[in-house]
Amino acid sequence: MTDFILDDSRPSLVQITAPQGERSREAETAAKMQVEGLDFYYGRSRALEQVTLSVLTNRITALIGPSGCGKSTFIRTLNRMFELVPDTRAEGTIILDGEDIFSIEVSTLRRRVGMVFQKSNPFPKTIFENIAYGLRVGGERSKRTLEDTVERSLKRASLWDEVKDKLHESAYSLSGGQQQRLCIARALAVNPEVLLLDEPCSALDPISTGKIERLMMDLSESCTIVTVTHNMHQAARISDYTGYFLLGRLVEFDRTEKIFQNPSRKETEDYITGRFG
C-alpha cells in the first residue's frame, strides 16, 4: 500500500513509499456493505443527503471532513446505532452481504457490525468481564469458551501481553490508549464482520495512536473497517479508500491515493490542502 503525507510548507501533497514488505492492497474485492441514496434526519433537519458508496471487504475506509459534516452520523447508520436517539430516521438502502440491514434483527446486526466510539468507554468491571460481557449477554456460560475468547480478543487487539497478569483488575486501571484497545477487544469478542471506529485516536498520544493504527491495519486482514478521522495524515497512512464529507453530502469517494494525490473535486482539494476547514 502506498503511504502519503501532507507537506506543511505549501498547499500540495507529497507521495512517499510504504515500508518495504508491507502487503499489497491492489486486488479488487467485493463490497461488504453497499449504501445507496441515504438520507438521514434529526427531526425535520436533514443531516445526510443522498449518500452512496461501497464499503469493500477487508479494506479500511476512512471518512474525512470538517466537524459537523455528517461523518459520525453516517457510520451510526451502518449498524442502526442512531435508533437509540429519539426522533431520528434514515431513508435509503444499506445492504450487508446482500441483505437489507433494516430487515436484520438489531442485536444480530450489531454483533455483525461492531462499533467503537471516540471516547473509550470501558464498563465498570474487570478487564476480563469487559471482554466477556457480550458473550454472557448472548448466553455463553462455558468458562473455557469465555477464557479462550477473552485471550484471543485481547491478542487481536494487541493488548494481551500488557494485561494478561491483571485480567481481574478494574478496566479503569488501564491507560487511555489501553482502554481504547480494550474497547476494540470487547467489540472483537463477538467476531464482527465489520468494525466501525469513530475517531478512535482523537484523545490519544502519538505512541498510543501508532498502536491503534497498526492494530487497524492488522485487523483488516480479517475484518472490514470504516473509520472516521479528522487526521488526514492518519487517513493517508492507513486507509485503502477515503470519502470526503461536507455539509451532509459525500463530495468524493475513491482510492486513498487518488483522493490525496489527484482529487476530482475542487472542494476535496481545498480541504486536503488546507484552503478550507
Protein backbone atom coordinates (compact mmCIF):
# COMPACT_ATOMS: atom_id res chain seq x y z
CA MET A 1 0.00 0.00 0.00
CA THR A 2 1.26 3.49 -0.78
CA ASP A 3 1.56 5.98 2.04
CA PHE A 4 1.17 9.76 1.83
CA ILE A 5 1.99 12.78 3.93
CA LEU A 6 0.94 16.37 3.77
CA ASP A 7 3.63 18.92 3.01
CA ASP A 8 3.06 21.64 5.62
CA SER A 9 5.20 24.17 3.72
CA ARG A 10 2.80 24.61 0.80
CA PRO A 11 -0.74 23.64 -0.23
CA SER A 12 0.13 20.40 -2.01
CA LEU A 13 0.72 16.75 -1.26
CA VAL A 14 3.82 14.59 -1.35
CA GLN A 15 3.88 10.89 -2.14
CA ILE A 16 6.13 8.58 -0.15
CA THR A 17 6.61 4.86 -0.37
CA ALA A 18 5.33 2.49 2.30
CA PRO A 19 7.84 0.37 4.25
CA GLN A 20 9.23 -2.49 2.18
CA GLY A 21 7.43 -5.76 2.77
CA GLU A 22 4.03 -4.21 3.52
CA ARG A 23 1.32 -6.31 1.91
CA SER A 24 -0.16 -5.29 -1.39
CA ARG A 25 -3.71 -3.95 -1.36
CA GLU A 26 -4.14 -3.68 -5.12
CA ALA A 27 -6.51 -6.55 -5.77
CA GLU A 28 -10.13 -5.54 -6.07
CA THR A 29 -12.64 -7.18 -3.80
CA ALA A 30 -16.38 -7.39 -3.38
CA ALA A 31 -18.47 -4.89 -1.45
CA LYS A 32 -19.22 -5.89 2.14
CA MET A 33 -21.73 -3.07 2.53
CA GLN A 34 -23.49 -1.04 -0.13
CA VAL A 35 -25.12 2.31 0.71
CA GLU A 36 -27.44 3.88 -1.85
CA GLY A 37 -29.34 7.16 -1.70
CA LEU A 38 -29.08 7.52 2.07
CA ASP A 39 -30.80 10.49 3.71
CA PHE A 40 -30.78 10.94 7.47
CA TYR A 41 -32.90 13.21 9.64
CA TYR A 42 -32.75 14.56 13.17
CA GLY A 43 -36.38 15.58 13.49
CA ARG A 44 -37.00 17.78 10.44
CA SER A 45 -33.33 18.61 9.94
CA ARG A 46 -31.59 16.61 7.24
CA ALA A 47 -28.06 15.64 8.29
CA LEU A 48 -27.19 13.39 5.31
CA GLU A 49 -28.23 13.86 1.72
CA GLN A 50 -28.21 11.11 -0.91
CA VAL A 51 -25.04 9.35 0.26
CA THR A 52 -23.99 6.45 -1.96
CA LEU A 53 -20.82 4.37 -1.54
CA SER A 54 -19.48 0.83 -1.32
CA VAL A 55 -17.51 -0.47 1.67
CA LEU A 56 -15.17 -3.15 0.34
CA THR A 57 -14.45 -6.39 2.17
CA ASN A 58 -11.26 -6.47 4.28
CA ARG A 59 -10.34 -2.92 3.37
CA ILE A 60 -10.01 0.18 5.53
CA THR A 61 -12.32 3.02 4.54
CA ALA A 62 -11.57 6.43 6.08
CA LEU A 63 -14.09 9.26 6.25
CA ILE A 64 -12.73 12.80 6.45
CA GLY A 65 -14.27 16.25 6.53
CA PRO A 66 -14.85 19.20 8.90
CA SER A 67 -16.73 18.85 12.18
CA GLY A 68 -20.48 18.55 11.84
CA CYS A 69 -20.41 17.37 8.23
CA GLY A 70 -22.13 14.03 8.86
CA LYS A 71 -19.26 11.53 9.17
CA SER A 72 -20.21 10.17 12.59
CA THR A 73 -23.89 10.25 11.74
CA PHE A 74 -23.14 8.17 8.67
CA ILE A 75 -21.30 5.36 10.44
CA ARG A 76 -24.04 5.22 13.08
CA THR A 77 -26.46 4.31 10.33
CA LEU A 78 -24.39 1.28 9.34
CA ASN A 79 -25.40 -0.68 12.47
CA ARG A 80 -28.55 1.32 13.27
CA MET A 81 -26.98 2.87 16.35
CA PHE A 82 -28.98 6.00 15.57
CA GLU A 83 -32.12 4.20 16.72
CA LEU A 84 -31.05 4.93 20.29
CA VAL A 85 -31.63 8.64 19.61
CA PRO A 86 -35.27 9.81 19.66
CA ASP A 87 -36.86 11.42 16.60
CA THR A 88 -34.29 10.24 14.08
CA ARG A 89 -34.77 8.32 10.87
CA ALA A 90 -32.83 7.03 7.89
CA GLU A 91 -34.18 6.79 4.35
CA GLY A 92 -32.40 4.87 1.62
CA THR A 93 -30.80 1.47 1.26
CA ILE A 94 -27.99 -0.11 3.27
CA ILE A 95 -27.06 -3.65 2.24
CA LEU A 96 -24.84 -6.04 4.22
CA ASP A 97 -23.79 -9.09 2.19
CA GLY A 98 -26.89 -8.80 0.04
CA GLU A 99 -29.30 -8.28 2.94
CA ASP A 100 -31.06 -5.04 3.88
CA ILE A 101 -29.84 -4.12 7.36
CA PHE A 102 -33.30 -2.89 8.30
CA SER A 103 -34.59 -6.44 7.89
CA ILE A 104 -31.93 -7.86 10.25
CA GLU A 105 -32.77 -8.17 13.96
CA VAL A 106 -30.90 -5.27 15.54
CA SER A 107 -28.92 -7.28 18.12
CA THR A 108 -27.77 -9.63 15.35
CA LEU A 109 -26.80 -6.67 13.18
CA ARG A 110 -24.73 -5.10 15.95
CA ARG A 111 -22.88 -8.36 16.51
CA ARG A 112 -22.04 -8.43 12.82
CA VAL A 113 -21.25 -4.70 12.62
CA GLY A 114 -19.47 -3.62 15.80
CA MET A 115 -18.65 -0.09 16.87
CA VAL A 116 -16.01 1.67 18.97
CA PHE A 117 -16.57 5.27 19.95
CA GLN A 118 -14.33 8.34 20.09
CA LYS A 119 -14.03 8.28 23.86
CA SER A 120 -13.03 4.96 25.37
CA ASN A 121 -15.92 3.65 27.45
CA PRO A 122 -14.91 0.53 29.36
CA PHE A 123 -17.58 -0.90 31.62
CA PRO A 124 -17.08 -0.56 35.41
CA LYS A 125 -15.94 -4.17 35.51
CA THR A 126 -12.70 -6.12 35.37
CA ILE A 127 -10.69 -6.37 32.19
CA PHE A 128 -11.87 -9.97 31.78
CA GLU A 129 -15.54 -9.15 32.29
CA ASN A 130 -15.38 -6.26 29.82
CA ILE A 131 -14.40 -8.72 27.09
CA ALA A 132 -16.72 -11.50 28.25
CA TYR A 133 -19.75 -9.20 28.55
CA GLY A 134 -21.11 -9.64 25.04
CA LEU A 135 -20.71 -13.41 25.20
CA ARG A 136 -22.50 -13.61 28.54
CA VAL A 137 -25.36 -11.49 27.20
CA GLY A 138 -25.57 -13.93 24.31
CA GLY A 139 -25.96 -16.81 26.73
CA GLU A 140 -22.44 -18.22 26.79
CA ARG A 141 -21.70 -19.94 30.12
CA SER A 142 -18.71 -22.15 29.37
CA LYS A 143 -15.74 -20.99 31.44
CA ARG A 144 -13.31 -22.44 28.90
CA THR A 145 -15.01 -20.69 25.99
CA LEU A 146 -15.05 -17.38 27.85
CA GLU A 147 -11.38 -17.68 28.80
CA ASP A 148 -10.34 -18.63 25.27
CA THR A 149 -12.36 -15.80 23.72
CA VAL A 150 -11.00 -13.20 26.15
CA GLU A 151 -7.43 -14.25 25.38
CA ARG A 152 -8.00 -14.36 21.64
CA SER A 153 -9.72 -10.96 21.58
CA LEU A 154 -7.02 -9.28 23.65
CA LYS A 155 -4.36 -10.76 21.38
CA ARG A 156 -6.19 -9.49 18.28
CA ALA A 157 -6.28 -6.06 19.92
CA SER A 158 -2.53 -6.22 20.69
CA LEU A 159 -3.25 -5.90 24.42
CA TRP A 160 -2.76 -9.41 25.80
CA ASP A 161 0.90 -9.09 26.78
CA GLU A 162 0.15 -5.88 28.70
CA VAL A 163 -2.81 -7.18 30.73
CA LYS A 164 -2.53 -10.98 30.92
CA ASP A 165 -1.37 -10.84 34.56
CA LYS A 166 -4.14 -8.47 35.71
CA LEU A 167 -7.28 -9.68 33.96
CA HIS A 168 -9.28 -9.42 37.17
CA GLU A 169 -8.31 -5.84 37.91
CA SER A 170 -10.54 -2.89 37.04
CA ALA A 171 -10.53 -1.78 33.42
CA TYR A 172 -10.19 1.77 34.77
CA SER A 173 -6.64 0.92 35.89
CA LEU A 174 -5.54 0.96 32.26
CA SER A 175 -4.14 3.96 30.43
CA GLY A 176 -6.24 5.82 27.88
CA GLY A 177 -4.66 4.04 24.93
CA GLN A 178 -5.04 0.67 26.63
CA GLN A 179 -8.69 1.41 27.41
CA GLN A 180 -9.34 2.16 23.76
CA ARG A 181 -7.73 -1.11 22.71
CA LEU A 182 -9.77 -2.85 25.40
CA CYS A 183 -12.94 -1.43 23.83
CA ILE A 184 -11.77 -2.71 20.45
CA ALA A 185 -11.11 -6.13 22.00
CA ARG A 186 -14.60 -6.09 23.52
CA ALA A 187 -16.08 -5.43 20.08
CA LEU A 188 -13.94 -8.19 18.56
CA ALA A 189 -15.08 -10.77 21.11
CA VAL A 190 -18.27 -11.46 19.15
CA ASN A 191 -16.35 -11.74 15.85
CA PRO A 192 -17.85 -8.81 13.92
CA GLU A 193 -17.60 -8.81 10.16
CA VAL A 194 -17.39 -5.00 10.07
CA LEU A 195 -15.81 -2.73 12.67
CA LEU A 196 -16.84 0.95 12.86
CA LEU A 197 -14.37 3.29 14.56
CA ASP A 198 -15.47 6.84 15.34
CA GLU A 199 -12.29 8.90 15.79
CA PRO A 200 -10.61 6.18 17.87
CA CYS A 201 -7.35 8.12 18.27
CA SER A 202 -8.61 11.66 18.87
CA ALA A 203 -7.81 11.65 22.60
CA LEU A 204 -4.61 9.59 22.42
CA ASP A 205 -0.92 10.46 22.45
CA PRO A 206 1.23 9.72 19.36
CA ILE A 207 2.54 6.40 20.72
CA SER A 208 -0.95 5.10 21.50
CA THR A 209 -2.18 6.42 18.17
CA GLY A 210 0.53 4.46 16.38
CA LYS A 211 -0.53 1.27 18.16
CA ILE A 212 -4.17 1.77 17.18
CA GLU A 213 -3.18 2.44 13.56
CA ARG A 214 -1.07 -0.71 13.37
CA LEU A 215 -3.91 -2.61 15.01
CA MET A 216 -6.41 -1.40 12.39
CA MET A 217 -4.12 -2.47 9.57
CA ASP A 218 -3.65 -5.91 11.13
CA LEU A 219 -7.37 -6.35 11.78
CA SER A 220 -8.25 -5.52 8.18
CA GLU A 221 -6.85 -8.92 7.21
CA SER A 222 -9.95 -10.48 8.76
CA CYS A 223 -12.40 -7.61 9.32
CA THR A 224 -13.78 -4.78 7.19
CA ILE A 225 -13.07 -1.40 8.84
CA VAL A 226 -14.72 2.01 8.48
CA THR A 227 -13.08 4.80 10.49
CA VAL A 228 -13.87 8.47 10.98
CA THR A 229 -10.85 10.72 11.44
CA HIS A 230 -10.01 14.42 11.48
CA ASN A 231 -6.35 13.49 10.99
CA MET A 232 -5.66 13.48 7.26
CA HIS A 233 -2.15 12.13 7.83
CA GLN A 234 -3.79 9.15 9.51
CA ALA A 235 -6.29 8.63 6.71
CA ALA A 236 -3.45 8.70 4.17
CA ARG A 237 -1.32 6.29 6.21
CA ILE A 238 -3.80 3.54 6.94
CA SER A 239 -6.75 3.56 4.55
CA ASP A 240 -7.38 1.96 1.20
CA TYR A 241 -10.37 4.17 0.36
CA THR A 242 -11.29 7.66 1.53
CA GLY A 243 -14.54 9.60 1.46
CA TYR A 244 -14.77 13.36 1.91
CA PHE A 245 -17.96 14.65 3.58
CA LEU A 246 -19.13 18.25 3.52
CA LEU A 247 -22.47 19.61 4.78
CA GLY A 248 -24.06 16.18 4.87
CA ARG A 249 -23.01 15.22 1.36
CA LEU A 250 -20.38 12.75 0.23
CA VAL A 251 -18.43 15.05 -2.05
CA GLU A 252 -15.95 12.47 -3.28
CA PHE A 253 -15.11 8.82 -2.64
CA ASP A 254 -12.20 6.96 -4.21
CA ARG A 255 -8.96 5.14 -3.56
CA THR A 256 -6.94 6.98 -0.93
CA GLU A 257 -4.10 7.52 -3.40
CA LYS A 258 -6.48 9.22 -5.80
CA ILE A 259 -8.11 11.39 -3.13
CA PHE A 260 -4.82 12.65 -1.74
CA GLN A 261 -2.85 12.99 -4.98
CA ASN A 262 -5.38 13.86 -7.65
CA PRO A 263 -8.86 14.58 -6.25
CA SER A 264 -11.62 15.03 -8.81
CA ARG A 265 -13.47 17.76 -6.93
CA LYS A 266 -12.16 21.21 -6.06
CA GLU A 267 -13.89 21.04 -2.65
CA THR A 268 -11.81 17.94 -1.82
CA GLU A 269 -8.58 19.55 -2.95
CA ASP A 270 -9.31 22.70 -0.93
CA TYR A 271 -9.90 20.68 2.23
CA ILE A 272 -6.86 18.42 1.83
CA THR A 273 -4.52 21.32 1.08
CA GLY A 274 -5.80 23.41 3.97
CA ARG A 275 -7.54 26.09 1.94
CA PHE A 276 -10.78 25.15 3.67
CA GLY A 277 -11.70 23.61 7.04
